């Protein structure tokens, strides 16, 4: 939550695109590390897995989480924002329903 709220002053100062790029690179790096630790390297260090997962969440909360909603509110009108929100919630609901069966 703190990382989500701390990004709003940075959005206007640093710009949206650099924050999105940094966040996506950070998320990608930590996802690759999690994959390496659980796959080819087969390291059994729970603290390492937890740290990588938390860093992924922090990078998400500082980039894709809040900035996408800022983009939607700036670009779309009220009906478009409602439609994009409904699409987001619906796709998330479908993903949650299908996850156990994947």
PDB file of N, CA and C in Angstrom:
ATOM      1  N   UNK A   1       0.828  -1.189   0.000  1.00  0.00           N
ATOM      2  CA  UNK A   1       0.000   0.000   0.000  1.00  0.00           C
ATOM      3  C   UNK A   1       0.869   1.249   0.000  1.00  0.00           C
ATOM      4  N   UNK A   2       1.942   1.230   0.758  1.00  0.00           N
ATOM      5  CA  UNK A   2       2.818   2.401   0.831  1.00  0.00           C
ATOM      6  C   UNK A   2       3.449   2.672  -0.530  1.00  0.00           C
ATOM      7  N   UNK A   3       3.866   1.607  -1.225  1.00  0.00           N
ATOM      8  CA  UNK A   3       4.486   1.818  -2.527  1.00  0.00           C
ATOM      9  C   UNK A   3       3.474   2.301  -3.556  1.00  0.00           C
ATOM     10  N   UNK A   4       2.214   1.908  -3.426  1.00  0.00           N
ATOM     11  CA  UNK A   4       1.189   2.411  -4.340  1.00  0.00           C
ATOM     12  C   UNK A   4       0.940   3.899  -4.130  1.00  0.00           C
ATOM     13  N   UNK A   5       0.889   4.320  -2.892  1.00  0.00           N
ATOM     14  CA  UNK A   5       0.640   5.728  -2.604  1.00  0.00           C
ATOM     15  C   UNK A   5       1.859   6.596  -2.885  1.00  0.00           C
ATOM     16  N   UNK A   6       3.049   6.029  -2.768  1.00  0.00           N
ATOM     17  CA  UNK A   6       4.257   6.825  -2.982  1.00  0.00           C
ATOM     18  C   UNK A   6       4.515   7.126  -4.443  1.00  0.00           C
ATOM     19  N   UNK A   7       3.833   6.453  -5.353  1.00  0.00           N
ATOM     20  CA  UNK A   7       4.084   6.662  -6.770  1.00  0.00           C
ATOM     21  C   UNK A   7       3.357   7.898  -7.306  1.00  0.00           C
ATOM     22  N   UNK A   8       2.287   8.330  -6.690  1.00  0.00           N
ATOM     23  CA  UNK A   8       1.504   9.437  -7.235  1.00  0.00           C
ATOM     24  C   UNK A   8       2.292  10.744  -7.333  1.00  0.00           C
ATOM     25  N   UNK A   9       3.108  11.127  -6.356  1.00  0.00           N
ATOM     26  CA  UNK A   9       3.931  12.328  -6.573  1.00  0.00           C
ATOM     27  C   UNK A   9       4.976  12.134  -7.677  1.00  0.00           C
ATOM     28  N   UNK A  10       5.420  10.900  -7.883  1.00  0.00           N
ATOM     29  CA  UNK A  10       6.433  10.645  -8.905  1.00  0.00           C
ATOM     30  C   UNK A  10       5.858  10.638 -10.319  1.00  0.00           C
ATOM     31  N   UNK A  11       4.559  10.401 -10.463  1.00  0.00           N
ATOM     32  CA  UNK A  11       3.956  10.309 -11.793  1.00  0.00           C
ATOM     33  C   UNK A  11       4.151  11.605 -12.564  1.00  0.00           C
ATOM     34  N   UNK A  12       3.880  12.741 -11.938  1.00  0.00           N
ATOM     35  CA  UNK A  12       4.026  14.021 -12.632  1.00  0.00           C
ATOM     36  C   UNK A  12       5.484  14.461 -12.723  1.00  0.00           C
ATOM     37  N   UNK A  13       6.278  14.102 -11.745  1.00  0.00           N
ATOM     38  CA  UNK A  13       7.677  14.527 -11.738  1.00  0.00           C
ATOM     39  C   UNK A  13       8.528  13.732 -12.723  1.00  0.00           C
ATOM     40  N   UNK A  14       8.415  12.411 -12.704  1.00  0.00           N
ATOM     41  CA  UNK A  14       9.271  11.552 -13.540  1.00  0.00           C
ATOM     42  C   UNK A  14       8.612  11.173 -14.855  1.00  0.00           C
ATOM     43  N   UNK A  15       7.312  11.176 -14.899  1.00  0.00           N
ATOM     44  CA  UNK A  15       6.601  10.759 -16.104  1.00  0.00           C
ATOM     45  C   UNK A  15       6.061   9.350 -15.957  1.00  0.00           C
ATOM     46  N   UNK A  16       5.034   9.070 -16.734  1.00  0.00           N
ATOM     47  CA  UNK A  16       4.383   7.767 -16.638  1.00  0.00           C
ATOM     48  C   UNK A  16       5.179   6.670 -17.323  1.00  0.00           C
ATOM     49  N   UNK A  17       5.683   6.987 -18.502  1.00  0.00           N
ATOM     50  CA  UNK A  17       6.380   5.960 -19.279  1.00  0.00           C
ATOM     51  C   UNK A  17       7.646   5.444 -18.597  1.00  0.00           C
ATOM     52  N   UNK A  18       8.539   6.307 -18.063  1.00  0.00           N
ATOM     53  CA  UNK A  18       9.714   5.765 -17.368  1.00  0.00           C
ATOM     54  C   UNK A  18       9.357   4.907 -16.156  1.00  0.00           C
ATOM     55  N   UNK A  19       8.321   5.312 -15.421  1.00  0.00           N
ATOM     56  CA  UNK A  19       7.909   4.511 -14.263  1.00  0.00           C
ATOM     57  C   UNK A  19       7.374   3.152 -14.694  1.00  0.00           C
ATOM     58  N   UNK A  20       6.614   3.130 -15.794  1.00  0.00           N
ATOM     59  CA  UNK A  20       6.108   1.851 -16.299  1.00  0.00           C
ATOM     60  C   UNK A  20       7.252   0.963 -16.776  1.00  0.00           C
ATOM     61  N   UNK A  21       8.215   1.538 -17.471  1.00  0.00           N
ATOM     62  CA  UNK A  21       9.339   0.744 -17.977  1.00  0.00           C
ATOM     63  C   UNK A  21      10.165   0.187 -16.829  1.00  0.00           C
ATOM     64  N   UNK A  22      10.478   1.015 -15.846  1.00  0.00           N
ATOM     65  CA  UNK A  22      11.260   0.551 -14.688  1.00  0.00           C
ATOM     66  C   UNK A  22      10.502  -0.537 -13.931  1.00  0.00           C
ATOM     67  N   UNK A  23       9.206  -0.330 -13.745  1.00  0.00           N
ATOM     68  CA  UNK A  23       8.400  -1.322 -13.028  1.00  0.00           C
ATOM     69  C   UNK A  23       8.325  -2.651 -13.759  1.00  0.00           C
ATOM     70  N   UNK A  24       8.145  -2.593 -15.075  1.00  0.00           N
ATOM     71  CA  UNK A  24       8.044  -3.841 -15.842  1.00  0.00           C
ATOM     72  C   UNK A  24       9.380  -4.569 -15.893  1.00  0.00           C
ATOM     73  N   UNK A  25      10.479  -3.830 -15.995  1.00  0.00           N
ATOM     74  CA  UNK A  25      11.795  -4.479 -15.965  1.00  0.00           C
ATOM     75  C   UNK A  25      12.028  -5.130 -14.613  1.00  0.00           C
ATOM     76  N   UNK A  26      11.697  -4.405 -13.530  1.00  0.00           N
ATOM     77  CA  UNK A  26      11.865  -4.970 -12.186  1.00  0.00           C
ATOM     78  C   UNK A  26      11.010  -6.204 -11.971  1.00  0.00           C
ATOM     79  N   UNK A  27       9.758  -6.160 -12.426  1.00  0.00           N
ATOM     80  CA  UNK A  27       8.886  -7.323 -12.283  1.00  0.00           C
ATOM     81  C   UNK A  27       9.426  -8.497 -13.088  1.00  0.00           C
ATOM     82  N   UNK A  28       9.904  -8.222 -14.297  1.00  0.00           N
ATOM     83  CA  UNK A  28      10.460  -9.288 -15.129  1.00  0.00           C
ATOM     84  C   UNK A  28      11.686  -9.922 -14.514  1.00  0.00           C
ATOM     85  N   UNK A  29      12.566  -9.100 -13.952  1.00  0.00           N
ATOM     86  CA  UNK A  29      13.792  -9.625 -13.327  1.00  0.00           C
ATOM     87  C   UNK A  29      13.449 -10.551 -12.169  1.00  0.00           C
ATOM     88  N   UNK A  30      12.542 -10.119 -11.320  1.00  0.00           N
ATOM     89  CA  UNK A  30      12.229 -10.947 -10.153  1.00  0.00           C
ATOM     90  C   UNK A  30      11.415 -12.189 -10.513  1.00  0.00           C
ATOM     91  N   UNK A  31      10.604 -12.127 -11.581  1.00  0.00           N
ATOM     92  CA  UNK A  31       9.934 -13.344 -12.036  1.00  0.00           C
ATOM     93  C   UNK A  31      10.932 -14.343 -12.601  1.00  0.00           C
ATOM     94  N   UNK A  32      11.929 -13.845 -13.335  1.00  0.00           N
ATOM     95  CA  UNK A  32      12.971 -14.739 -13.858  1.00  0.00           C
ATOM     96  C   UNK A  32      13.761 -15.355 -12.705  1.00  0.00           C
ATOM     97  N   UNK A  33      14.082 -14.552 -11.704  1.00  0.00           N
ATOM     98  CA  UNK A  33      14.810 -15.097 -10.545  1.00  0.00           C
ATOM     99  C   UNK A  33      13.994 -16.161  -9.822  1.00  0.00           C
ATOM    100  N   UNK A  34      12.703 -15.928  -9.641  1.00  0.00           N
ATOM    101  CA  UNK A  34      11.864 -16.942  -9.004  1.00  0.00           C
ATOM    102  C   UNK A  34      11.863 -18.217  -9.835  1.00  0.00           C
ATOM    103  N   UNK A  35      11.750 -18.078 -11.143  1.00  0.00           N
ATOM    104  CA  UNK A  35      11.771 -19.251 -12.019  1.00  0.00           C
ATOM    105  C   UNK A  35      13.086 -19.991 -11.957  1.00  0.00           C
ATOM    106  N   UNK A  36      14.187 -19.247 -11.902  1.00  0.00           N
ATOM    107  CA  UNK A  36      15.497 -19.905 -11.806  1.00  0.00           C
ATOM    108  C   UNK A  36      15.677 -20.613 -10.470  1.00  0.00           C
ATOM    109  N   UNK A  37      15.236 -19.964  -9.407  1.00  0.00           N
ATOM    110  CA  UNK A  37      15.411 -20.551  -8.078  1.00  0.00           C
ATOM    111  C   UNK A  37      14.575 -21.809  -7.897  1.00  0.00           C
ATOM    112  N   UNK A  38      13.417 -21.854  -8.529  1.00  0.00           N
ATOM    113  CA  UNK A  38      12.558 -23.025  -8.379  1.00  0.00           C
ATOM    114  C   UNK A  38      12.802 -24.076  -9.442  1.00  0.00           C
ATOM    115  N   UNK A  39      13.399 -23.680 -10.556  1.00  0.00           N
ATOM    116  CA  UNK A  39      13.588 -24.601 -11.673  1.00  0.00           C
ATOM    117  C   UNK A  39      15.011 -25.124 -11.757  1.00  0.00           C
ATOM    118  N   UNK A  40      15.814 -24.566 -12.675  1.00  0.00           N
ATOM    119  CA  UNK A  40      17.147 -25.114 -12.947  1.00  0.00           C
ATOM    120  C   UNK A  40      18.095 -25.098 -11.745  1.00  0.00           C
ATOM    121  N   UNK A  41      18.052 -24.040 -10.950  1.00  0.00           N
ATOM    122  CA  UNK A  41      18.976 -23.972  -9.806  1.00  0.00           C
ATOM    123  C   UNK A  41      18.494 -24.793  -8.623  1.00  0.00           C
ATOM    124  N   UNK A  42      17.181 -24.986  -8.505  1.00  0.00           N
ATOM    125  CA  UNK A  42      16.560 -25.795  -7.460  1.00  0.00           C
ATOM    126  C   UNK A  42      17.076 -25.439  -6.071  1.00  0.00           C
ATOM    127  N   UNK A  43      17.051 -24.141  -5.764  1.00  0.00           N
ATOM    128  CA  UNK A  43      17.469 -23.679  -4.442  1.00  0.00           C
ATOM    129  C   UNK A  43      16.294 -23.735  -3.479  1.00  0.00           C
ATOM    130  N   UNK A  44      16.527 -24.255  -2.312  1.00  0.00           N
ATOM    131  CA  UNK A  44      15.467 -24.375  -1.317  1.00  0.00           C
ATOM    132  C   UNK A  44      15.711 -23.372  -0.191  1.00  0.00           C
ATOM    133  N   UNK A  45      15.588 -22.097  -0.537  1.00  0.00           N
ATOM    134  CA  UNK A  45      15.722 -21.028   0.443  1.00  0.00           C
ATOM    135  C   UNK A  45      14.412 -20.245   0.464  1.00  0.00           C
ATOM    136  N   UNK A  46      13.528 -20.548   1.399  1.00  0.00           N
ATOM    137  CA  UNK A  46      12.213 -19.891   1.419  1.00  0.00           C
ATOM    138  C   UNK A  46      12.302 -18.371   1.533  1.00  0.00           C
ATOM    139  N   UNK A  47      13.287 -17.869   2.261  1.00  0.00           N
ATOM    140  CA  UNK A  47      13.429 -16.426   2.415  1.00  0.00           C
ATOM    141  C   UNK A  47      13.777 -15.766   1.083  1.00  0.00           C
ATOM    142  N   UNK A  48      14.547 -16.447   0.261  1.00  0.00           N
ATOM    143  CA  UNK A  48      14.899 -15.934  -1.057  1.00  0.00           C
ATOM    144  C   UNK A  48      13.671 -15.859  -1.961  1.00  0.00           C
ATOM    145  N   UNK A  49      12.842 -16.896  -1.930  1.00  0.00           N
ATOM    146  CA  UNK A  49      11.603 -16.896  -2.711  1.00  0.00           C
ATOM    147  C   UNK A  49      10.655 -15.790  -2.232  1.00  0.00           C
ATOM    148  N   UNK A  50      10.550 -15.635  -0.925  1.00  0.00           N
ATOM    149  CA  UNK A  50       9.686 -14.608  -0.358  1.00  0.00           C
ATOM    150  C   UNK A  50      10.174 -13.214  -0.736  1.00  0.00           C
ATOM    151  N   UNK A  51      11.481 -13.006  -0.673  1.00  0.00           N
ATOM    152  CA  UNK A  51      12.043 -11.702  -1.030  1.00  0.00           C
ATOM    153  C   UNK A  51      11.765 -11.364  -2.490  1.00  0.00           C
ATOM    154  N   UNK A  52      11.970 -12.317  -3.380  1.00  0.00           N
ATOM    155  CA  UNK A  52      11.693 -12.073  -4.807  1.00  0.00           C
ATOM    156  C   UNK A  52      10.213 -11.813  -5.052  1.00  0.00           C
ATOM    157  N   UNK A  53       9.349 -12.528  -4.366  1.00  0.00           N
ATOM    158  CA  UNK A  53       7.913 -12.321  -4.525  1.00  0.00           C
ATOM    159  C   UNK A  53       7.508 -10.943  -4.024  1.00  0.00           C
ATOM    160  N   UNK A  54       8.032 -10.540  -2.873  1.00  0.00           N
ATOM    161  CA  UNK A  54       7.712  -9.218  -2.337  1.00  0.00           C
ATOM    162  C   UNK A  54       8.260  -8.105  -3.223  1.00  0.00           C
ATOM    163  N   UNK A  55       9.451  -8.290  -3.793  1.00  0.00           N
ATOM    164  CA  UNK A  55      10.000  -7.284  -4.701  1.00  0.00           C
ATOM    165  C   UNK A  55       9.159  -7.178  -5.968  1.00  0.00           C
ATOM    166  N   UNK A  56       8.652  -8.307  -6.464  1.00  0.00           N
ATOM    167  CA  UNK A  56       7.745  -8.278  -7.612  1.00  0.00           C
ATOM    168  C   UNK A  56       6.501  -7.460  -7.276  1.00  0.00           C
ATOM    169  N   UNK A  57       5.933  -7.687  -6.100  1.00  0.00           N
ATOM    170  CA  UNK A  57       4.728  -6.963  -5.689  1.00  0.00           C
ATOM    171  C   UNK A  57       5.017  -5.473  -5.551  1.00  0.00           C
ATOM    172  N   UNK A  58       6.166  -5.123  -4.996  1.00  0.00           N
ATOM    173  CA  UNK A  58       6.521  -3.707  -4.837  1.00  0.00           C
ATOM    174  C   UNK A  58       6.671  -3.033  -6.193  1.00  0.00           C
ATOM    175  N   UNK A  59       7.359  -3.697  -7.138  1.00  0.00           N
ATOM    176  CA  UNK A  59       7.487  -3.108  -8.471  1.00  0.00           C
ATOM    177  C   UNK A  59       6.130  -2.982  -9.159  1.00  0.00           C
ATOM    178  N   UNK A  60       5.248  -3.959  -8.965  1.00  0.00           N
ATOM    179  CA  UNK A  60       3.902  -3.861  -9.538  1.00  0.00           C
ATOM    180  C   UNK A  60       3.150  -2.686  -8.944  1.00  0.00           C
ATOM    181  N   UNK A  61       3.223  -2.533  -7.621  1.00  0.00           N
ATOM    182  CA  UNK A  61       2.500  -1.453  -6.952  1.00  0.00           C
ATOM    183  C   UNK A  61       3.054  -0.078  -7.289  1.00  0.00           C
ATOM    184  N   UNK A  62       4.294  -0.023  -7.759  1.00  0.00           N
ATOM    185  CA  UNK A  62       4.889   1.262  -8.122  1.00  0.00           C
ATOM    186  C   UNK A  62       4.748   1.572  -9.604  1.00  0.00           C
ATOM    187  N   UNK A  63       4.198   0.646 -10.386  1.00  0.00           N
ATOM    188  CA  UNK A  63       4.113   0.921 -11.815  1.00  0.00           C
ATOM    189  C   UNK A  63       2.748   0.521 -12.383  1.00  0.00           C
ATOM    190  N   UNK A  64       2.574  -0.733 -12.722  1.00  0.00           N
ATOM    191  CA  UNK A  64       1.370  -1.162 -13.421  1.00  0.00           C
ATOM    192  C   UNK A  64       0.098  -1.028 -12.590  1.00  0.00           C
ATOM    193  N   UNK A  65       0.206  -1.197 -11.299  1.00  0.00           N
ATOM    194  CA  UNK A  65      -0.988  -1.116 -10.456  1.00  0.00           C
ATOM    195  C   UNK A  65      -1.694   0.226 -10.554  1.00  0.00           C
ATOM    196  N   UNK A  66      -1.071   1.310 -10.089  1.00  0.00           N
ATOM    197  CA  UNK A  66      -1.784   2.594 -10.095  1.00  0.00           C
ATOM    198  C   UNK A  66      -1.722   3.361 -11.417  1.00  0.00           C
ATOM    199  N   UNK A  67      -0.649   3.236 -12.183  1.00  0.00           N
ATOM    200  CA  UNK A  67      -0.488   4.078 -13.368  1.00  0.00           C
ATOM    201  C   UNK A  67      -1.494   3.722 -14.454  1.00  0.00           C
ATOM    202  N   UNK A  68      -1.859   2.466 -14.568  1.00  0.00           N
ATOM    203  CA  UNK A  68      -2.865   2.080 -15.562  1.00  0.00           C
ATOM    204  C   UNK A  68      -4.194   2.769 -15.264  1.00  0.00           C
ATOM    205  N   UNK A  69      -4.547   2.879 -13.996  1.00  0.00           N
ATOM    206  CA  UNK A  69      -5.799   3.545 -13.649  1.00  0.00           C
ATOM    207  C   UNK A  69      -5.703   5.047 -13.897  1.00  0.00           C
ATOM    208  N   UNK A  70      -4.535   5.618 -13.733  1.00  0.00           N
ATOM    209  CA  UNK A  70      -4.350   7.035 -14.057  1.00  0.00           C
ATOM    210  C   UNK A  70      -4.534   7.249 -15.554  1.00  0.00           C
ATOM    211  N   UNK A  71      -3.941   6.367 -16.366  1.00  0.00           N
ATOM    212  CA  UNK A  71      -4.128   6.451 -17.816  1.00  0.00           C
ATOM    213  C   UNK A  71      -5.608   6.351 -18.185  1.00  0.00           C
ATOM    214  N   UNK A  72      -6.293   5.382 -17.626  1.00  0.00           N
ATOM    215  CA  UNK A  72      -7.716   5.200 -17.951  1.00  0.00           C
ATOM    216  C   UNK A  72      -8.528   6.439 -17.600  1.00  0.00           C
ATOM    217  N   UNK A  73      -8.273   7.022 -16.443  1.00  0.00           N
ATOM    218  CA  UNK A  73      -9.070   8.183 -16.033  1.00  0.00           C
ATOM    219  C   UNK A  73      -8.750   9.414 -16.865  1.00  0.00           C
ATOM    220  N   UNK A  74      -7.527   9.506 -17.418  1.00  0.00           N
ATOM    221  CA  UNK A  74      -7.181  10.664 -18.230  1.00  0.00           C
ATOM    222  C   UNK A  74      -7.665  10.523 -19.673  1.00  0.00           C
ATOM    223  N   UNK A  75      -7.678   9.321 -20.192  1.00  0.00           N
ATOM    224  CA  UNK A  75      -7.977   9.109 -21.601  1.00  0.00           C
ATOM    225  C   UNK A  75      -9.477   8.889 -21.830  1.00  0.00           C
ATOM    226  N   UNK A  76     -10.116   8.157 -20.958  1.00  0.00           N
ATOM    227  CA  UNK A  76     -11.505   7.761 -21.175  1.00  0.00           C
ATOM    228  C   UNK A  76     -12.472   8.701 -20.468  1.00  0.00           C
ATOM    229  N   UNK A  77     -13.685   8.778 -21.007  1.00  0.00           N
ATOM    230  CA  UNK A  77     -14.759   9.505 -20.334  1.00  0.00           C
ATOM    231  C   UNK A  77     -15.396   8.585 -19.300  1.00  0.00           C
ATOM    232  N   UNK A  78     -16.441   9.035 -18.652  1.00  0.00           N
ATOM    233  CA  UNK A  78     -17.050   8.284 -17.559  1.00  0.00           C
ATOM    234  C   UNK A  78     -17.549   6.914 -18.013  1.00  0.00           C
ATOM    235  N   UNK A  79     -18.215   6.865 -19.180  1.00  0.00           N
ATOM    236  CA  UNK A  79     -18.731   5.571 -19.644  1.00  0.00           C
ATOM    237  C   UNK A  79     -17.591   4.635 -20.033  1.00  0.00           C
ATOM    238  N   UNK A  80     -16.553   5.173 -20.645  1.00  0.00           N
ATOM    239  CA  UNK A  80     -15.398   4.355 -21.007  1.00  0.00           C
ATOM    240  C   UNK A  80     -14.659   3.851 -19.780  1.00  0.00           C
ATOM    241  N   UNK A  81     -14.566   4.699 -18.765  1.00  0.00           N
ATOM    242  CA  UNK A  81     -13.918   4.281 -17.517  1.00  0.00           C
ATOM    243  C   UNK A  81     -14.731   3.189 -16.845  1.00  0.00           C
ATOM    244  N   UNK A  82     -16.051   3.317 -16.855  1.00  0.00           N
ATOM    245  CA  UNK A  82     -16.901   2.275 -16.286  1.00  0.00           C
ATOM    246  C   UNK A  82     -16.773   0.966 -17.046  1.00  0.00           C
ATOM    247  N   UNK A  83     -16.701   1.055 -18.372  1.00  0.00           N
ATOM    248  CA  UNK A  83     -16.557  -0.142 -19.189  1.00  0.00           C
ATOM    249  C   UNK A  83     -15.203  -0.819 -18.961  1.00  0.00           C
ATOM    250  N   UNK A  84     -14.141  -0.015 -18.866  1.00  0.00           N
ATOM    251  CA  UNK A  84     -12.817  -0.613 -18.628  1.00  0.00           C
ATOM    252  C   UNK A  84     -12.728  -1.226 -17.232  1.00  0.00           C
ATOM    253  N   UNK A  85     -13.367  -0.605 -16.261  1.00  0.00           N
ATOM    254  CA  UNK A  85     -13.393  -1.171 -14.909  1.00  0.00           C
ATOM    255  C   UNK A  85     -14.172  -2.477 -14.883  1.00  0.00           C
ATOM    256  N   UNK A  86     -15.303  -2.501 -15.564  1.00  0.00           N
ATOM    257  CA  UNK A  86     -16.101  -3.727 -15.625  1.00  0.00           C
ATOM    258  C   UNK A  86     -15.335  -4.841 -16.336  1.00  0.00           C
ATOM    259  N   UNK A  87     -14.632  -4.501 -17.404  1.00  0.00           N
ATOM    260  CA  UNK A  87     -13.833  -5.503 -18.113  1.00  0.00           C
ATOM    261  C   UNK A  87     -12.708  -6.030 -17.230  1.00  0.00           C
ATOM    262  N   UNK A  88     -12.083  -5.145 -16.464  1.00  0.00           N
ATOM    263  CA  UNK A  88     -11.006  -5.559 -15.561  1.00  0.00           C
ATOM    264  C   UNK A  88     -11.536  -6.505 -14.487  1.00  0.00           C
ATOM    265  N   UNK A  89     -12.636  -6.139 -13.852  1.00  0.00           N
ATOM    266  CA  UNK A  89     -13.210  -6.978 -12.801  1.00  0.00           C
ATOM    267  C   UNK A  89     -13.706  -8.305 -13.356  1.00  0.00           C
ATOM    268  N   UNK A  90     -14.303  -8.278 -14.545  1.00  0.00           N
ATOM    269  CA  UNK A  90     -14.816  -9.512 -15.141  1.00  0.00           C
ATOM    270  C   UNK A  90     -13.690 -10.463 -15.501  1.00  0.00           C
ATOM    271  N   UNK A  91     -12.635  -9.935 -16.107  1.00  0.00           N
ATOM    272  CA  UNK A  91     -11.505 -10.802 -16.460  1.00  0.00           C
ATOM    273  C   UNK A  91     -10.808 -11.337 -15.219  1.00  0.00           C
ATOM    274  N   UNK A  92     -10.711 -10.527 -14.178  1.00  0.00           N
ATOM    275  CA  UNK A  92     -10.123 -11.014 -12.932  1.00  0.00           C
ATOM    276  C   UNK A  92     -10.984 -12.106 -12.306  1.00  0.00           C
ATOM    277  N   UNK A  93     -12.299 -11.923 -12.348  1.00  0.00           N
ATOM    278  CA  UNK A  93     -13.223 -12.924 -11.809  1.00  0.00           C
ATOM    279  C   UNK A  93     -13.101 -14.238 -12.574  1.00  0.00           C
ATOM    280  N   UNK A  94     -13.021 -14.168 -13.886  1.00  0.00           N
ATOM    281  CA  UNK A  94     -12.883 -15.376 -14.703  1.00  0.00           C
ATOM    282  C   UNK A  94     -11.550 -16.065 -14.422  1.00  0.00           C
ATOM    283  N   UNK A  95     -10.484 -15.282 -14.264  1.00  0.00           N
ATOM    284  CA  UNK A  95      -9.179 -15.872 -13.956  1.00  0.00           C
ATOM    285  C   UNK A  95      -9.196 -16.584 -12.609  1.00  0.00           C
ATOM    286  N   UNK A  96      -9.860 -15.986 -11.627  1.00  0.00           N
ATOM    287  CA  UNK A  96      -9.952 -16.620 -10.303  1.00  0.00           C
ATOM    288  C   UNK A  96     -10.767 -17.904 -10.369  1.00  0.00           C
ATOM    289  N   UNK A  97     -11.837 -17.891 -11.149  1.00  0.00           N
ATOM    290  CA  UNK A  97     -12.660 -19.095 -11.269  1.00  0.00           C
ATOM    291  C   UNK A  97     -11.913 -20.214 -11.983  1.00  0.00           C
ATOM    292  N   UNK A  98     -11.108 -19.884 -12.972  1.00  0.00           N
ATOM    293  CA  UNK A  98     -10.420 -20.908 -13.773  1.00  0.00           C
ATOM    294  C   UNK A  98      -9.088 -21.348 -13.180  1.00  0.00           C
ATOM    295  N   UNK A  99      -8.551 -20.614 -12.242  1.00  0.00           N
ATOM    296  CA  UNK A  99      -7.223 -20.921 -11.726  1.00  0.00           C
ATOM    297  C   UNK A  99      -7.090 -22.336 -11.170  1.00  0.00           C
ATOM    298  N   UNK A 100      -8.007 -22.832 -10.337  1.00  0.00           N
ATOM    299  CA  UNK A 100      -7.828 -24.189  -9.822  1.00  0.00           C
ATOM    300  C   UNK A 100      -7.840 -25.263 -10.915  1.00  0.00           C
ATOM    301  N   UNK A 101      -8.466 -24.984 -12.046  1.00  0.00           N
ATOM    302  CA  UNK A 101      -8.589 -25.974 -13.107  1.00  0.00           C
ATOM    303  C   UNK A 101      -7.447 -25.897 -14.111  1.00  0.00           C
ATOM    304  N   UNK A 102      -6.593 -24.908 -14.010  1.00  0.00           N
ATOM    305  CA  UNK A 102      -5.478 -24.784 -14.963  1.00  0.00           C
ATOM    306  C   UNK A 102      -4.442 -25.848 -14.732  1.00  0.00           C
TER     307      UNK A 102
END
